[in-house]
Amino acid sequence: MRPGQRSAAQRVRRYVVQIPYFVVLLGLLVAAVLVLFDRWRRGAFVFGSVLLLGAVLRAFIPTSRVGLLQVRSKFFDVAVMASVGSLILWLATSIDPLGTD
């Protein structure tokens, strides 16, 4: 294998391992847009769901391929994302809408 090919494969791998991170980031962007358009309950629900998705992705994807979803240890990352995601989902579903959506 020539050196140029190896570096191209490494460049592609650098972007491919970031796909889980970009999926979570895209979901958070959708949640922010919903909140900006005064759909705070839907936005909060999407936000909490995306955090739970991030926790699942971090739990099942090997550390060598998780990319920027890795902040600390696997246990810490999964515990924090799952806890915050569950709390936000609980808040989004339990607060009385008071005529709003």
C-alpha atoms as a PDB file:
ATOM      1  CA  MET A   1       0.000   0.000   0.000  1.00  0.00           C
ATOM      2  CA  ARG A   2       1.372   3.396  -0.932  1.00  0.00           C
ATOM      3  CA  PRO A   3       1.691   6.112   1.693  1.00  0.00           C
ATOM      4  CA  GLY A   4      -0.876   8.301  -0.104  1.00  0.00           C
ATOM      5  CA  GLN A   5      -3.501   5.584   0.089  1.00  0.00           C
ATOM      6  CA  ARG A   6      -2.910   4.966   3.752  1.00  0.00           C
ATOM      7  CA  SER A   7      -3.320   8.607   4.627  1.00  0.00           C
ATOM      8  CA  ALA A   8      -6.533   8.794   2.579  1.00  0.00           C
ATOM      9  CA  ALA A   9      -7.919   5.803   4.472  1.00  0.00           C
ATOM     10  CA  GLN A  10      -6.962   7.421   7.754  1.00  0.00           C
ATOM     11  CA  ARG A  11      -8.689  10.648   6.745  1.00  0.00           C
ATOM     12  CA  VAL A  12     -11.868   8.768   5.884  1.00  0.00           C
ATOM     13  CA  ARG A  13     -11.729   6.860   9.180  1.00  0.00           C
ATOM     14  CA  ARG A  14     -11.347  10.129  11.092  1.00  0.00           C
ATOM     15  CA  TYR A  15     -14.690  11.292   9.715  1.00  0.00           C
ATOM     16  CA  VAL A  16     -16.484   7.941   9.925  1.00  0.00           C
ATOM     17  CA  VAL A  17     -15.815   7.530  13.646  1.00  0.00           C
ATOM     18  CA  GLN A  18     -17.495  10.905  14.239  1.00  0.00           C
ATOM     19  CA  ILE A  19     -20.849   9.811  12.746  1.00  0.00           C
ATOM     20  CA  PRO A  20     -22.428   8.946  16.159  1.00  0.00           C
ATOM     21  CA  TYR A  21     -21.386  12.358  17.465  1.00  0.00           C
ATOM     22  CA  PHE A  22     -22.839  14.140  14.451  1.00  0.00           C
ATOM     23  CA  VAL A  23     -26.124  12.203  14.782  1.00  0.00           C
ATOM     24  CA  VAL A  24     -26.460  13.356  18.392  1.00  0.00           C
ATOM     25  CA  LEU A  25     -25.420  16.895  17.451  1.00  0.00           C
ATOM     26  CA  LEU A  26     -28.014  17.006  14.661  1.00  0.00           C
ATOM     27  CA  GLY A  27     -30.710  15.857  17.096  1.00  0.00           C
ATOM     28  CA  LEU A  28     -29.730  18.577  19.554  1.00  0.00           C
ATOM     29  CA  LEU A  29     -29.903  21.130  16.748  1.00  0.00           C
ATOM     30  CA  VAL A  30     -33.431  19.948  15.869  1.00  0.00           C
ATOM     31  CA  ALA A  31     -34.397  20.276  19.546  1.00  0.00           C
ATOM     32  CA  ALA A  32     -33.003  23.821  19.679  1.00  0.00           C
ATOM     33  CA  VAL A  33     -34.932  24.800  16.543  1.00  0.00           C
ATOM     34  CA  LEU A  34     -38.146  23.438  18.051  1.00  0.00           C
ATOM     35  CA  VAL A  35     -37.585  25.446  21.219  1.00  0.00           C
ATOM     36  CA  LEU A  36     -36.823  28.582  19.179  1.00  0.00           C
ATOM     37  CA  PHE A  37     -40.123  28.189  17.331  1.00  0.00           C
ATOM     38  CA  ASP A  38     -41.990  28.081  20.658  1.00  0.00           C
ATOM     39  CA  ARG A  39     -42.473  24.303  20.715  1.00  0.00           C
ATOM     40  CA  TRP A  40     -40.635  23.863  23.997  1.00  0.00           C
ATOM     41  CA  ARG A  41     -42.279  20.597  25.036  1.00  0.00           C
ATOM     42  CA  ARG A  42     -41.480  18.908  21.734  1.00  0.00           C
ATOM     43  CA  GLY A  43     -37.991  20.382  21.822  1.00  0.00           C
ATOM     44  CA  ALA A  44     -37.428  19.112  25.350  1.00  0.00           C
ATOM     45  CA  PHE A  45     -38.744  15.694  24.365  1.00  0.00           C
ATOM     46  CA  VAL A  46     -36.378  15.539  21.366  1.00  0.00           C
ATOM     47  CA  PHE A  47     -33.493  16.787  23.526  1.00  0.00           C
ATOM     48  CA  GLY A  48     -34.051  14.103  26.164  1.00  0.00           C
ATOM     49  CA  SER A  49     -34.509  11.403  23.526  1.00  0.00           C
ATOM     50  CA  VAL A  50     -31.289  12.388  21.767  1.00  0.00           C
ATOM     51  CA  LEU A  51     -29.386  12.260  25.042  1.00  0.00           C
ATOM     52  CA  LEU A  52     -30.707   8.744  25.653  1.00  0.00           C
ATOM     53  CA  LEU A  53     -29.682   7.810  22.109  1.00  0.00           C
ATOM     54  CA  GLY A  54     -26.214   9.194  22.831  1.00  0.00           C
ATOM     55  CA  ALA A  55     -26.024   7.095  25.994  1.00  0.00           C
ATOM     56  CA  VAL A  56     -26.982   3.955  24.072  1.00  0.00           C
ATOM     57  CA  LEU A  57     -24.470   4.706  21.314  1.00  0.00           C
ATOM     58  CA  ARG A  58     -21.728   5.347  23.876  1.00  0.00           C
ATOM     59  CA  ALA A  59     -22.578   2.114  25.692  1.00  0.00           C
ATOM     60  CA  PHE A  60     -22.458  -0.168  22.656  1.00  0.00           C
ATOM     61  CA  ILE A  61     -19.875   1.368  20.319  1.00  0.00           C
ATOM     62  CA  PRO A  62     -16.276   0.410  21.147  1.00  0.00           C
ATOM     63  CA  THR A  63     -14.167   3.186  22.666  1.00  0.00           C
ATOM     64  CA  SER A  64     -11.835   3.156  19.667  1.00  0.00           C
ATOM     65  CA  ARG A  65     -14.730   4.057  17.352  1.00  0.00           C
ATOM     66  CA  VAL A  66     -16.903   6.350  19.442  1.00  0.00           C
ATOM     67  CA  GLY A  67     -15.194   9.600  18.470  1.00  0.00           C
ATOM     68  CA  LEU A  68     -16.204  12.786  20.267  1.00  0.00           C
ATOM     69  CA  LEU A  69     -18.957  11.077  22.274  1.00  0.00           C
ATOM     70  CA  GLN A  70     -16.154   9.968  24.562  1.00  0.00           C
ATOM     71  CA  VAL A  71     -15.599  12.551  27.279  1.00  0.00           C
ATOM     72  CA  ARG A  72     -14.619  10.538  30.341  1.00  0.00           C
ATOM     73  CA  SER A  73     -14.908   6.860  31.103  1.00  0.00           C
ATOM     74  CA  LYS A  74     -17.630   4.830  29.424  1.00  0.00           C
ATOM     75  CA  PHE A  75     -19.526   4.411  32.698  1.00  0.00           C
ATOM     76  CA  PHE A  76     -19.467   8.153  33.433  1.00  0.00           C
ATOM     77  CA  ASP A  77     -20.551   9.143  29.915  1.00  0.00           C
ATOM     78  CA  VAL A  78     -23.430   6.655  29.821  1.00  0.00           C
ATOM     79  CA  ALA A  79     -24.580   7.444  33.364  1.00  0.00           C
ATOM     80  CA  VAL A  80     -24.624  11.201  32.862  1.00  0.00           C
ATOM     81  CA  MET A  81     -26.277  11.175  29.434  1.00  0.00           C
ATOM     82  CA  ALA A  82     -28.889   8.625  30.517  1.00  0.00           C
ATOM     83  CA  SER A  83     -29.644  10.478  33.763  1.00  0.00           C
ATOM     84  CA  VAL A  84     -29.957  13.909  32.178  1.00  0.00           C
ATOM     85  CA  GLY A  85     -31.911  12.520  29.218  1.00  0.00           C
ATOM     86  CA  SER A  86     -34.342  10.706  31.514  1.00  0.00           C
ATOM     87  CA  LEU A  87     -34.776  13.777  33.690  1.00  0.00           C
ATOM     88  CA  ILE A  88     -35.516  16.002  30.684  1.00  0.00           C
ATOM     89  CA  LEU A  89     -37.981  13.457  29.275  1.00  0.00           C
ATOM     90  CA  TRP A  90     -39.701  13.253  32.638  1.00  0.00           C
ATOM     91  CA  LEU A  91     -39.941  17.042  32.854  1.00  0.00           C
ATOM     92  CA  ALA A  92     -41.217  17.355  29.277  1.00  0.00           C
ATOM     93  CA  THR A  93     -43.985  14.833  29.868  1.00  0.00           C
ATOM     94  CA  SER A  94     -44.968  15.766  33.422  1.00  0.00           C
ATOM     95  CA  ILE A  95     -45.278  19.563  33.303  1.00  0.00           C
ATOM     96  CA  ASP A  96     -48.806  20.770  32.615  1.00  0.00           C
ATOM     97  CA  PRO A  97     -48.875  22.405  29.173  1.00  0.00           C
ATOM     98  CA  LEU A  98     -51.266  25.199  30.271  1.00  0.00           C
ATOM     99  CA  GLY A  99     -52.687  25.489  26.783  1.00  0.00           C
ATOM    100  CA  THR A 100     -49.298  25.502  25.075  1.00  0.00           C
ATOM    101  CA  ASP A 101     -47.702  22.825  22.960  1.00  0.00           C
END
